[in-house]
Amino acid sequence: MDVLSDGHGLVESPRWHDSRLWFADWLAGEIIRIDDGNAEVVARHQSLPLCFDFLPDGTPLLVSGSEHALLELHPDGSTTTYADLGHLSQYGCNDIVIDGRGNAYVNCGNFDFATGPPPGERAPGFVALVRPDGSATVVADDLAFPNGMAVTPDNATLVVAESYRNRLTAFPINADGSLGERRVWADLGDGVPDGICIDRDGAVWYADVPNQRCARVREGGEVLDTVQLDRGGFACMLGGEPAEPRLYIVAAHWPGVQGLTDPTHGWDGQALSIPAPASAAGWPGN
């Protein structure tokens, strides 16, 4: 396994774009790009969370928890509001995936992470659809801490990692971008899925913080591959040359909720790379 960059904080949201790896350091408030082996800060924005993805024309969109908005990132590092998310929840939104038609799916745990979710069988989390016109509407609810998301290469299915239900949940995507009836794509047993991506064989890679690993699973839950880590796996992304695909992983030492406000905690966040059995498919990553 290759260490591409280290010494970071809470690393998340890896993306393969323009033949380079991008990722976010939430604690530093930085969007970082690996360019010719060097970690280059391309934007700064203080937000926890701080996830991002790319529109079909290559424009990056940032999920700003601090501004309750989806922000467009410009080449000079400045941002403008792409969509207002404030009416969706009083809590900041989390992850994002943008499909091949320019529809953005943004999710939210919809509870105070420090105190935990409210009691009851029904979960507060949701997924919202942000259309290219900037409108934002909830299209799926009752999600138990929705985390990473991915869209299949035919734009027909959204897969959502439900961290608190230990499963991957799939929704058919309708022609207007809304979501149909959910199904369990894979029950992961003790797996706690965070960031995810899809490969050309139709398998999903998911990163797992408490189990310190990334795992590749087939629909139904069969485990095809496992990459063991020495710290929590927060997210993963496929990239590299199609003939020699690689799995990119962002990992860090998770201190628990209290550590999010402890500047002395040694996160030692890393961006890692390892050969993968199949190249990327769908989004993010296309």
C-alpha atoms as a PDB file:
ATOM      1  CA  MET A   1       0.000   0.000   0.000  1.00  0.00           C
ATOM      2  CA  ASP A   2       1.328   3.431  -0.957  1.00  0.00           C
ATOM      3  CA  VAL A   3       1.034   6.463   1.336  1.00  0.00           C
ATOM      4  CA  LEU A   4       0.368   9.430  -0.959  1.00  0.00           C
ATOM      5  CA  SER A   5       0.031  12.096   1.725  1.00  0.00           C
ATOM      6  CA  ASP A   6      -0.074  12.148   5.522  1.00  0.00           C
ATOM      7  CA  GLY A   7      -0.128  14.465   8.533  1.00  0.00           C
ATOM      8  CA  HIS A   8      -3.734  15.515   7.883  1.00  0.00           C
ATOM      9  CA  GLY A   9      -6.731  15.685  10.214  1.00  0.00           C
ATOM     10  CA  LEU A  10     -10.141  14.135   9.554  1.00  0.00           C
ATOM     11  CA  VAL A  11      -9.863  13.197   5.881  1.00  0.00           C
ATOM     12  CA  GLU A  12     -12.954  12.509   3.780  1.00  0.00           C
ATOM     13  CA  SER A  13     -14.642  12.727   0.378  1.00  0.00           C
ATOM     14  CA  PRO A  14     -11.956  11.356  -1.995  1.00  0.00           C
ATOM     15  CA  ARG A  15     -12.697  12.035  -5.654  1.00  0.00           C
ATOM     16  CA  TRP A  16     -10.860  11.064  -8.841  1.00  0.00           C
ATOM     17  CA  HIS A  17     -11.107  13.993 -11.230  1.00  0.00           C
ATOM     18  CA  ASP A  18      -8.982  15.186 -14.133  1.00  0.00           C
ATOM     19  CA  SER A  19      -6.631  12.216 -13.598  1.00  0.00           C
ATOM     20  CA  ARG A  20      -5.849  13.315 -10.054  1.00  0.00           C
ATOM     21  CA  LEU A  21      -6.953  12.458  -6.529  1.00  0.00           C
ATOM     22  CA  TRP A  22      -8.833  15.116  -4.560  1.00  0.00           C
ATOM     23  CA  PHE A  23      -9.940  14.871  -0.927  1.00  0.00           C
ATOM     24  CA  ALA A  24     -11.023  17.040   1.998  1.00  0.00           C
ATOM     25  CA  ASP A  25      -9.468  17.650   5.402  1.00  0.00           C
ATOM     26  CA  TRP A  26     -12.480  18.617   7.476  1.00  0.00           C
ATOM     27  CA  LEU A  27     -10.560  19.890  10.490  1.00  0.00           C
ATOM     28  CA  ALA A  28      -8.208  22.064   8.437  1.00  0.00           C
ATOM     29  CA  GLY A  29     -11.089  23.224   6.225  1.00  0.00           C
ATOM     30  CA  GLU A  30      -9.145  22.320   3.086  1.00  0.00           C
ATOM     31  CA  ILE A  31      -9.819  20.744  -0.303  1.00  0.00           C
ATOM     32  CA  ILE A  32      -6.585  19.018  -1.327  1.00  0.00           C
ATOM     33  CA  ARG A  33      -5.405  17.707  -4.698  1.00  0.00           C
ATOM     34  CA  ILE A  34      -2.510  15.312  -5.238  1.00  0.00           C
ATOM     35  CA  ASP A  35      -0.567  16.711  -8.169  1.00  0.00           C
ATOM     36  CA  ASP A  36       2.712  15.078  -9.294  1.00  0.00           C
ATOM     37  CA  GLY A  37       3.059  13.491  -5.869  1.00  0.00           C
ATOM     38  CA  ASN A  38       2.511  16.753  -3.976  1.00  0.00           C
ATOM     39  CA  ALA A  39      -0.492  17.617  -1.798  1.00  0.00           C
ATOM     40  CA  GLU A  40      -1.757  20.988  -3.016  1.00  0.00           C
ATOM     41  CA  VAL A  41      -4.484  22.942  -1.176  1.00  0.00           C
ATOM     42  CA  VAL A  42      -6.880  24.171  -3.865  1.00  0.00           C
ATOM     43  CA  ALA A  43      -9.553  25.708  -1.601  1.00  0.00           C
ATOM     44  CA  ARG A  44     -10.192  26.595   2.027  1.00  0.00           C
ATOM     45  CA  HIS A  45     -13.628  26.604   3.644  1.00  0.00           C
ATOM     46  CA  GLN A  46     -14.372  26.016   7.318  1.00  0.00           C
ATOM     47  CA  SER A  47     -17.170  23.491   7.600  1.00  0.00           C
ATOM     48  CA  LEU A  48     -17.797  20.259   9.446  1.00  0.00           C
ATOM     49  CA  PRO A  49     -18.689  18.239   7.374  1.00  0.00           C
ATOM     50  CA  LEU A  50     -16.990  19.366   4.142  1.00  0.00           C
ATOM     51  CA  CYS A  51     -17.826  16.971   1.297  1.00  0.00           C
ATOM     52  CA  PHE A  52     -17.723  17.747  -2.410  1.00  0.00           C
ATOM     53  CA  ASP A  53     -18.255  16.365  -5.910  1.00  0.00           C
ATOM     54  CA  PHE A  54     -18.055  17.566  -9.513  1.00  0.00           C
ATOM     55  CA  LEU A  55     -20.764  18.637 -11.956  1.00  0.00           C
ATOM     56  CA  PRO A  56     -20.582  17.102 -15.452  1.00  0.00           C
ATOM     57  CA  ASP A  57     -18.780  20.235 -16.691  1.00  0.00           C
ATOM     58  CA  GLY A  58     -16.099  19.785 -14.002  1.00  0.00           C
ATOM     59  CA  THR A  59     -17.303  22.475 -11.583  1.00  0.00           C
ATOM     60  CA  PRO A  60     -16.823  21.422  -7.932  1.00  0.00           C
ATOM     61  CA  LEU A  61     -19.737  21.755  -5.496  1.00  0.00           C
ATOM     62  CA  LEU A  62     -19.064  21.831  -1.743  1.00  0.00           C
ATOM     63  CA  VAL A  63     -21.533  20.852   0.974  1.00  0.00           C
ATOM     64  CA  SER A  64     -21.154  23.614   3.561  1.00  0.00           C
ATOM     65  CA  GLY A  65     -22.532  22.671   6.950  1.00  0.00           C
ATOM     66  CA  SER A  66     -21.601  26.069   8.333  1.00  0.00           C
ATOM     67  CA  GLU A  67     -23.599  27.943   5.673  1.00  0.00           C
ATOM     68  CA  HIS A  68     -26.364  25.319   5.232  1.00  0.00           C
ATOM     69  CA  ALA A  69     -25.783  25.539   1.505  1.00  0.00           C
ATOM     70  CA  LEU A  70     -24.323  23.852  -1.533  1.00  0.00           C
ATOM     71  CA  LEU A  71     -21.502  26.085  -2.788  1.00  0.00           C
ATOM     72  CA  GLU A  72     -19.933  26.379  -6.221  1.00  0.00           C
ATOM     73  CA  LEU A  73     -16.130  26.461  -6.031  1.00  0.00           C
ATOM     74  CA  HIS A  74     -14.456  28.778  -8.545  1.00  0.00           C
ATOM     75  CA  PRO A  75     -10.898  28.414  -9.939  1.00  0.00           C
ATOM     76  CA  ASP A  76      -9.630  31.289  -7.751  1.00  0.00           C
ATOM     77  CA  GLY A  77     -10.815  29.469  -4.602  1.00  0.00           C
ATOM     78  CA  SER A  78     -13.846  31.687  -4.008  1.00  0.00           C
ATOM     79  CA  THR A  79     -17.350  30.268  -3.609  1.00  0.00           C
ATOM     80  CA  THR A  80     -20.890  31.298  -4.464  1.00  0.00           C
ATOM     81  CA  THR A  81     -24.180  29.733  -3.391  1.00  0.00           C
ATOM     82  CA  TYR A  82     -25.433  27.053  -5.761  1.00  0.00           C
ATOM     83  CA  ALA A  83     -28.381  25.956  -3.607  1.00  0.00           C
ATOM     84  CA  ASP A  84     -29.818  26.895  -0.222  1.00  0.00           C
ATOM     85  CA  LEU A  85     -30.139  23.837   2.047  1.00  0.00           C
ATOM     86  CA  GLY A  86     -31.218  25.681   5.185  1.00  0.00           C
ATOM     87  CA  HIS A  87     -34.885  24.717   4.861  1.00  0.00           C
ATOM     88  CA  LEU A  88     -34.053  20.998   4.859  1.00  0.00           C
ATOM     89  CA  SER A  89     -32.683  20.695   8.402  1.00  0.00           C
ATOM     90  CA  GLN A  90     -31.257  22.731  11.262  1.00  0.00           C
ATOM     91  CA  TYR A  91     -28.247  20.394  11.110  1.00  0.00           C
ATOM     92  CA  GLY A  92     -25.561  20.557   8.429  1.00  0.00           C
ATOM     93  CA  CYS A  93     -25.802  18.182   5.489  1.00  0.00           C
ATOM     94  CA  ASN A  94     -23.157  15.517   4.980  1.00  0.00           C
ATOM     95  CA  ASP A  95     -22.228  13.689   1.776  1.00  0.00           C
ATOM     96  CA  ILE A  96     -22.918  14.400  -1.893  1.00  0.00           C
ATOM     97  CA  VAL A  97     -22.906  12.564  -5.206  1.00  0.00           C
ATOM     98  CA  ILE A  98     -23.674  14.144  -8.577  1.00  0.00           C
ATOM     99  CA  ASP A  99     -25.029  11.887 -11.310  1.00  0.00           C
ATOM    100  CA  GLY A 100     -24.362  12.052 -15.045  1.00  0.00           C
ATOM    101  CA  ARG A 101     -27.313  14.392 -15.638  1.00  0.00           C
ATOM    102  CA  GLY A 102     -26.151  17.033 -13.174  1.00  0.00           C
ATOM    103  CA  ASN A 103     -28.549  16.115 -10.374  1.00  0.00           C
ATOM    104  CA  ALA A 104     -26.918  16.349  -6.946  1.00  0.00           C
ATOM    105  CA  TYR A 105     -27.963  14.067  -4.102  1.00  0.00           C
ATOM    106  CA  VAL A 106     -27.117  15.419  -0.644  1.00  0.00           C
ATOM    107  CA  ASN A 107     -27.795  13.609   2.617  1.00  0.00           C
ATOM    108  CA  CYS A 108     -28.155  14.550   6.262  1.00  0.00           C
ATOM    109  CA  GLY A 109     -28.148  12.540   9.509  1.00  0.00           C
ATOM    110  CA  ASN A 110     -30.572  15.175  10.835  1.00  0.00           C
ATOM    111  CA  PHE A 111     -29.583  14.974  14.504  1.00  0.00           C
ATOM    112  CA  ASP A 112     -26.974  16.367  16.862  1.00  0.00           C
ATOM    113  CA  PHE A 113     -23.991  14.060  16.365  1.00  0.00           C
ATOM    114  CA  ALA A 114     -22.702  14.821  19.881  1.00  0.00           C
ATOM    115  CA  THR A 115     -25.862  13.542  21.582  1.00  0.00           C
ATOM    116  CA  GLY A 116     -26.900  10.839  19.134  1.00  0.00           C
ATOM    117  CA  PRO A 117     -30.101  10.159  17.197  1.00  0.00           C
ATOM    118  CA  PRO A 118     -33.551  10.385  18.808  1.00  0.00           C
ATOM    119  CA  PRO A 119     -35.126   7.164  20.104  1.00  0.00           C
ATOM    120  CA  GLY A 120     -37.540   5.165  18.004  1.00  0.00           C
ATOM    121  CA  GLU A 121     -37.496   2.792  15.061  1.00  0.00           C
ATOM    122  CA  ARG A 122     -37.829   5.510  12.468  1.00  0.00           C
ATOM    123  CA  ALA A 123     -34.524   7.205  11.694  1.00  0.00           C
ATOM    124  CA  PRO A 124     -34.266  10.977  11.143  1.00  0.00           C
ATOM    125  CA  GLY A 125     -31.825  10.920   8.205  1.00  0.00           C
ATOM    126  CA  PHE A 126     -32.760  11.827   4.653  1.00  0.00           C
ATOM    127  CA  VAL A 127     -31.502  12.307   1.092  1.00  0.00           C
ATOM    128  CA  ALA A 128     -32.343  15.500  -0.803  1.00  0.00           C
ATOM    129  CA  LEU A 129     -32.260  16.053  -4.551  1.00  0.00           C
ATOM    130  CA  VAL A 130     -30.704  19.335  -5.712  1.00  0.00           C
ATOM    131  CA  ARG A 131     -31.625  19.934  -9.338  1.00  0.00           C
ATOM    132  CA  PRO A 132     -29.539  22.065 -11.725  1.00  0.00           C
ATOM    133  CA  ASP A 133     -31.962  24.968 -11.136  1.00  0.00           C
ATOM    134  CA  GLY A 134     -30.892  25.045  -7.453  1.00  0.00           C
ATOM    135  CA  SER A 135     -34.143  23.672  -5.987  1.00  0.00           C
ATOM    136  CA  ALA A 136     -33.650  21.218  -3.101  1.00  0.00           C
ATOM    137  CA  THR A 137     -36.280  18.641  -2.097  1.00  0.00           C
ATOM    138  CA  VAL A 138     -36.189  15.627   0.244  1.00  0.00           C
ATOM    139  CA  VAL A 139     -36.614  12.475  -1.858  1.00  0.00           C
ATOM    140  CA  ALA A 140     -35.959   9.755   0.764  1.00  0.00           C
ATOM    141  CA  ASP A 141     -36.268   9.660   4.547  1.00  0.00           C
ATOM    142  CA  ASP A 142     -36.027   7.161   7.426  1.00  0.00           C
ATOM    143  CA  LEU A 143     -32.280   6.709   6.892  1.00  0.00           C
ATOM    144  CA  ALA A 144     -30.056   5.786   9.832  1.00  0.00           C
ATOM    145  CA  PHE A 145     -27.068   8.135   9.539  1.00  0.00           C
ATOM    146  CA  PRO A 146     -26.760   8.190   5.747  1.00  0.00           C
ATOM    147  CA  ASN A 147     -23.125   8.445   4.736  1.00  0.00           C
ATOM    148  CA  GLY A 148     -21.432   7.710   1.404  1.00  0.00           C
ATOM    149  CA  MET A 149     -23.529   7.546  -1.768  1.00  0.00           C
ATOM    150  CA  ALA A 150     -22.979   6.323  -5.316  1.00  0.00           C
ATOM    151  CA  VAL A 151     -24.949   6.227  -8.578  1.00  0.00           C
ATOM    152  CA  THR A 152     -24.765   3.299 -10.993  1.00  0.00           C
ATOM    153  CA  PRO A 153     -23.352   3.987 -14.497  1.00  0.00           C
ATOM    154  CA  ASP A 154     -26.810   3.831 -16.107  1.00  0.00           C
ATOM    155  CA  ASN A 155     -28.043   6.645 -13.809  1.00  0.00           C
ATOM    156  CA  ALA A 156     -30.757   4.226 -12.658  1.00  0.00           C
ATOM    157  CA  THR A 157     -29.877   3.463  -9.016  1.00  0.00           C
ATOM    158  CA  LEU A 158     -28.681   5.426  -5.991  1.00  0.00           C
ATOM    159  CA  VAL A 159     -26.845   3.393  -3.330  1.00  0.00           C
ATOM    160  CA  VAL A 160     -26.683   4.893   0.175  1.00  0.00           C
ATOM    161  CA  ALA A 161     -24.499   3.718   3.065  1.00  0.00           C
ATOM    162  CA  GLU A 162     -26.603   3.561   6.241  1.00  0.00           C
ATOM    163  CA  SER A 163     -23.912   3.526   8.906  1.00  0.00           C
ATOM    164  CA  TYR A 164     -26.253   2.936  11.846  1.00  0.00           C
ATOM    165  CA  ARG A 165     -28.109   0.071  10.160  1.00  0.00           C
ATOM    166  CA  ASN A 166     -24.956  -1.684   8.887  1.00  0.00           C
ATOM    167  CA  ARG A 167     -26.216  -1.894   5.343  1.00  0.00           C
ATOM    168  CA  LEU A 168     -26.202  -0.472   1.852  1.00  0.00           C
ATOM    169  CA  THR A 169     -29.642   0.679   0.719  1.00  0.00           C
ATOM    170  CA  ALA A 170     -30.599   1.168  -2.939  1.00  0.00           C
ATOM    171  CA  PHE A 171     -33.247   3.378  -4.553  1.00  0.00           C
ATOM    172  CA  PRO A 172     -34.335   3.357  -8.209  1.00  0.00           C
ATOM    173  CA  ILE A 173     -33.884   6.805  -9.763  1.00  0.00           C
ATOM    174  CA  ASN A 174     -36.898   8.067 -11.695  1.00  0.00           C
ATOM    175  CA  ALA A 175     -36.635  10.140 -14.880  1.00  0.00           C
ATOM    176  CA  ASP A 176     -37.191  13.362 -12.921  1.00  0.00           C
ATOM    177  CA  GLY A 177     -34.446  12.502 -10.397  1.00  0.00           C
ATOM    178  CA  SER A 178     -36.830  11.498  -7.624  1.00  0.00           C
ATOM    179  CA  LEU A 179     -36.352   8.137  -5.906  1.00  0.00           C
ATOM    180  CA  GLY A 180     -38.530   5.046  -5.926  1.00  0.00           C
ATOM    181  CA  GLU A 181     -39.063   2.329  -3.345  1.00  0.00           C
ATOM    182  CA  ARG A 182     -35.977   1.313  -1.386  1.00  0.00           C
ATOM    183  CA  ARG A 183     -34.450  -2.118  -1.092  1.00  0.00           C
ATOM    184  CA  VAL A 184     -31.587  -3.538   0.954  1.00  0.00           C
ATOM    185  CA  TRP A 185     -28.683  -3.787  -1.487  1.00  0.00           C
ATOM    186  CA  ALA A 186     -26.405  -5.527   1.006  1.00  0.00           C
ATOM    187  CA  ASP A 187     -26.625  -6.421   4.695  1.00  0.00           C
ATOM    188  CA  LEU A 188     -23.054  -5.926   5.960  1.00  0.00           C
ATOM    189  CA  GLY A 189     -23.247  -7.754   9.291  1.00  0.00           C
ATOM    190  CA  ASP A 190     -20.838  -5.899  11.586  1.00  0.00           C
ATOM    191  CA  GLY A 191     -19.732  -3.594   8.752  1.00  0.00           C
ATOM    192  CA  VAL A 192     -20.191   0.137   9.356  1.00  0.00           C
ATOM    193  CA  PRO A 193     -20.181   1.743   5.892  1.00  0.00           C
ATOM    194  CA  ASP A 194     -18.902   5.283   5.408  1.00  0.00           C
ATOM    195  CA  GLY A 195     -17.712   6.519   1.973  1.00  0.00           C
ATOM    196  CA  ILE A 196     -18.468   4.220  -0.983  1.00  0.00           C
ATOM    197  CA  CYS A 197     -17.809   3.780  -4.709  1.00  0.00           C
ATOM    198  CA  ILE A 198     -18.871   1.376  -7.483  1.00  0.00           C
ATOM    199  CA  ASP A 199     -16.670  -0.627  -9.859  1.00  0.00           C
ATOM    200  CA  ARG A 200     -17.258  -1.911 -13.403  1.00  0.00           C
ATOM    201  CA  ASP A 201     -18.158  -5.383 -12.058  1.00  0.00           C
ATOM    202  CA  GLY A 202     -21.102  -3.863 -10.187  1.00  0.00           C
ATOM    203  CA  ALA A 203     -19.485  -4.345  -6.777  1.00  0.00           C
ATOM    204  CA  VAL A 204     -19.370  -1.632  -4.116  1.00  0.00           C
ATOM    205  CA  TRP A 205     -16.327  -0.705  -2.048  1.00  0.00           C
ATOM    206  CA  TYR A 206     -17.111   0.735   1.382  1.00  0.00           C
ATOM    207  CA  ALA A 207     -14.799   2.261   3.970  1.00  0.00           C
ATOM    208  CA  ASP A 208     -15.290   1.305   7.626  1.00  0.00           C
ATOM    209  CA  VAL A 209     -14.020   3.383  10.557  1.00  0.00           C
ATOM    210  CA  PRO A 210     -14.535   1.113  13.622  1.00  0.00           C
ATOM    211  CA  ASN A 211     -13.379  -2.039  11.805  1.00  0.00           C
ATOM    212  CA  GLN A 212     -10.390  -0.228  10.231  1.00  0.00           C
ATOM    213  CA  ARG A 213     -10.846  -1.602   6.742  1.00  0.00           C
ATOM    214  CA  CYS A 214     -12.276  -1.196   3.268  1.00  0.00           C
ATOM    215  CA  ALA A 215     -14.392  -4.021   1.890  1.00  0.00           C
ATOM    216  CA  ARG A 216     -15.680  -4.864  -1.586  1.00  0.00           C
ATOM    217  CA  VAL A 217     -19.107  -6.481  -1.659  1.00  0.00           C
ATOM    218  CA  ARG A 218     -21.488  -7.839  -4.249  1.00  0.00           C
ATOM    219  CA  GLU A 219     -25.217  -7.038  -4.180  1.00  0.00           C
ATOM    220  CA  GLY A 220     -26.635  -9.374  -1.552  1.00  0.00           C
ATOM    221  CA  GLY A 221     -23.665  -8.941   0.784  1.00  0.00           C
ATOM    222  CA  GLU A 222     -21.000 -11.403  -0.417  1.00  0.00           C
ATOM    223  CA  VAL A 223     -17.577 -10.042   0.543  1.00  0.00           C
ATOM    224  CA  LEU A 224     -15.208 -10.177  -2.433  1.00  0.00           C
ATOM    225  CA  ASP A 225     -12.131  -8.348  -1.100  1.00  0.00           C
ATOM    226  CA  THR A 226     -10.947  -6.751   2.143  1.00  0.00           C
ATOM    227  CA  VAL A 227      -8.176  -4.208   2.722  1.00  0.00           C
ATOM    228  CA  GLN A 228      -7.144  -4.059   6.368  1.00  0.00           C
ATOM    229  CA  LEU A 229      -5.936  -0.698   7.717  1.00  0.00           C
ATOM    230  CA  ASP A 230      -4.142   0.458  10.854  1.00  0.00           C
ATOM    231  CA  ARG A 231      -6.695   3.259  11.410  1.00  0.00           C
ATOM    232  CA  GLY A 232     -10.279   4.052  10.531  1.00  0.00           C
ATOM    233  CA  GLY A 233     -11.247   3.991   6.862  1.00  0.00           C
ATOM    234  CA  PHE A 234     -13.428   7.044   6.221  1.00  0.00           C
ATOM    235  CA  ALA A 235     -13.970   6.828   2.472  1.00  0.00           C
ATOM    236  CA  CYS A 236     -12.630   5.240  -0.706  1.00  0.00           C
ATOM    237  CA  MET A 237     -12.585   6.044  -4.416  1.00  0.00           C
ATOM    238  CA  LEU A 238     -11.518   4.173  -7.533  1.00  0.00           C
ATOM    239  CA  GLY A 239      -9.251   5.869 -10.038  1.00  0.00           C
ATOM    240  CA  GLY A 240      -5.995   5.605 -11.920  1.00  0.00           C
ATOM    241  CA  GLU A 241      -5.591   4.312 -15.456  1.00  0.00           C
ATOM    242  CA  PRO A 242      -8.443   1.973 -16.529  1.00  0.00           C
ATOM    243  CA  ALA A 243      -5.932  -0.768 -17.357  1.00  0.00           C
ATOM    244  CA  GLU A 244      -4.307  -0.433 -13.924  1.00  0.00           C
ATOM    245  CA  PRO A 245      -7.091   0.679 -11.569  1.00  0.00           C
ATOM    246  CA  ARG A 246      -6.309   1.686  -8.015  1.00  0.00           C
ATOM    247  CA  LEU A 247      -8.357   2.070  -4.849  1.00  0.00           C
ATOM    248  CA  TYR A 248      -7.722   5.372  -3.079  1.00  0.00           C
ATOM    249  CA  ILE A 249      -8.473   5.427   0.646  1.00  0.00           C
ATOM    250  CA  VAL A 250      -8.567   8.251   3.175  1.00  0.00           C
ATOM    251  CA  ALA A 251      -7.981   7.040   6.725  1.00  0.00           C
ATOM    252  CA  ALA A 252      -7.361   8.520  10.166  1.00  0.00           C
ATOM    253  CA  HIS A 253      -7.317   7.649  13.878  1.00  0.00           C
ATOM    254  CA  TRP A 254     -10.885   8.212  15.111  1.00  0.00           C
ATOM    255  CA  PRO A 255     -11.003   9.540  18.704  1.00  0.00           C
ATOM    256  CA  GLY A 256     -14.768   9.458  19.163  1.00  0.00           C
ATOM    257  CA  VAL A 257     -17.124  12.409  19.102  1.00  0.00           C
ATOM    258  CA  GLN A 258     -15.158  14.267  21.786  1.00  0.00           C
ATOM    259  CA  GLY A 259     -12.072  14.315  19.598  1.00  0.00           C
ATOM    260  CA  LEU A 260     -13.796  16.511  17.026  1.00  0.00           C
ATOM    261  CA  THR A 261     -13.204  19.466  19.327  1.00  0.00           C
ATOM    262  CA  ASP A 262      -9.832  18.334  20.723  1.00  0.00           C
ATOM    263  CA  PRO A 263      -6.984  19.968  18.789  1.00  0.00           C
ATOM    264  CA  THR A 264      -4.399  17.788  20.568  1.00  0.00           C
ATOM    265  CA  HIS A 265      -5.733  14.520  19.139  1.00  0.00           C
ATOM    266  CA  GLY A 266      -3.318  12.862  16.736  1.00  0.00           C
ATOM    267  CA  TRP A 267      -5.558  12.130  13.754  1.00  0.00           C
ATOM    268  CA  ASP A 268      -2.606  11.554  11.412  1.00  0.00           C
ATOM    269  CA  GLY A 269      -4.942  11.440   8.433  1.00  0.00           C
ATOM    270  CA  GLN A 270      -3.570   9.772   5.320  1.00  0.00           C
ATOM    271  CA  ALA A 271      -4.377   9.369   1.638  1.00  0.00           C
ATOM    272  CA  LEU A 272      -3.496   5.818   0.547  1.00  0.00           C
ATOM    273  CA  SER A 273      -3.451   3.869  -2.705  1.00  0.00           C
ATOM    274  CA  ILE A 274      -3.538   0.171  -3.555  1.00  0.00           C
ATOM    275  CA  PRO A 275      -4.157  -1.804  -6.804  1.00  0.00           C
ATOM    276  CA  ALA A 276      -7.833  -2.670  -7.376  1.00  0.00           C
ATOM    277  CA  PRO A 277      -9.400  -5.669  -9.181  1.00  0.00           C
ATOM    278  CA  ALA A 278     -11.716  -3.509 -11.322  1.00  0.00           C
ATOM    279  CA  SER A 279     -11.900   0.098 -12.490  1.00  0.00           C
ATOM    280  CA  ALA A 280     -14.438   2.759 -11.511  1.00  0.00           C
ATOM    281  CA  ALA A 281     -17.993   2.922 -12.818  1.00  0.00           C
ATOM    282  CA  GLY A 282     -20.811   5.330 -12.203  1.00  0.00           C
ATOM    283  CA  TRP A 283     -20.561   8.301  -9.886  1.00  0.00           C
ATOM    284  CA  PRO A 284     -18.626   9.578  -8.057  1.00  0.00           C
ATOM    285  CA  GLY A 285     -15.661   8.984 -10.313  1.00  0.00           C
ATOM    286  CA  ASN A 286     -16.896   9.272 -13.873  1.00  0.00           C
END
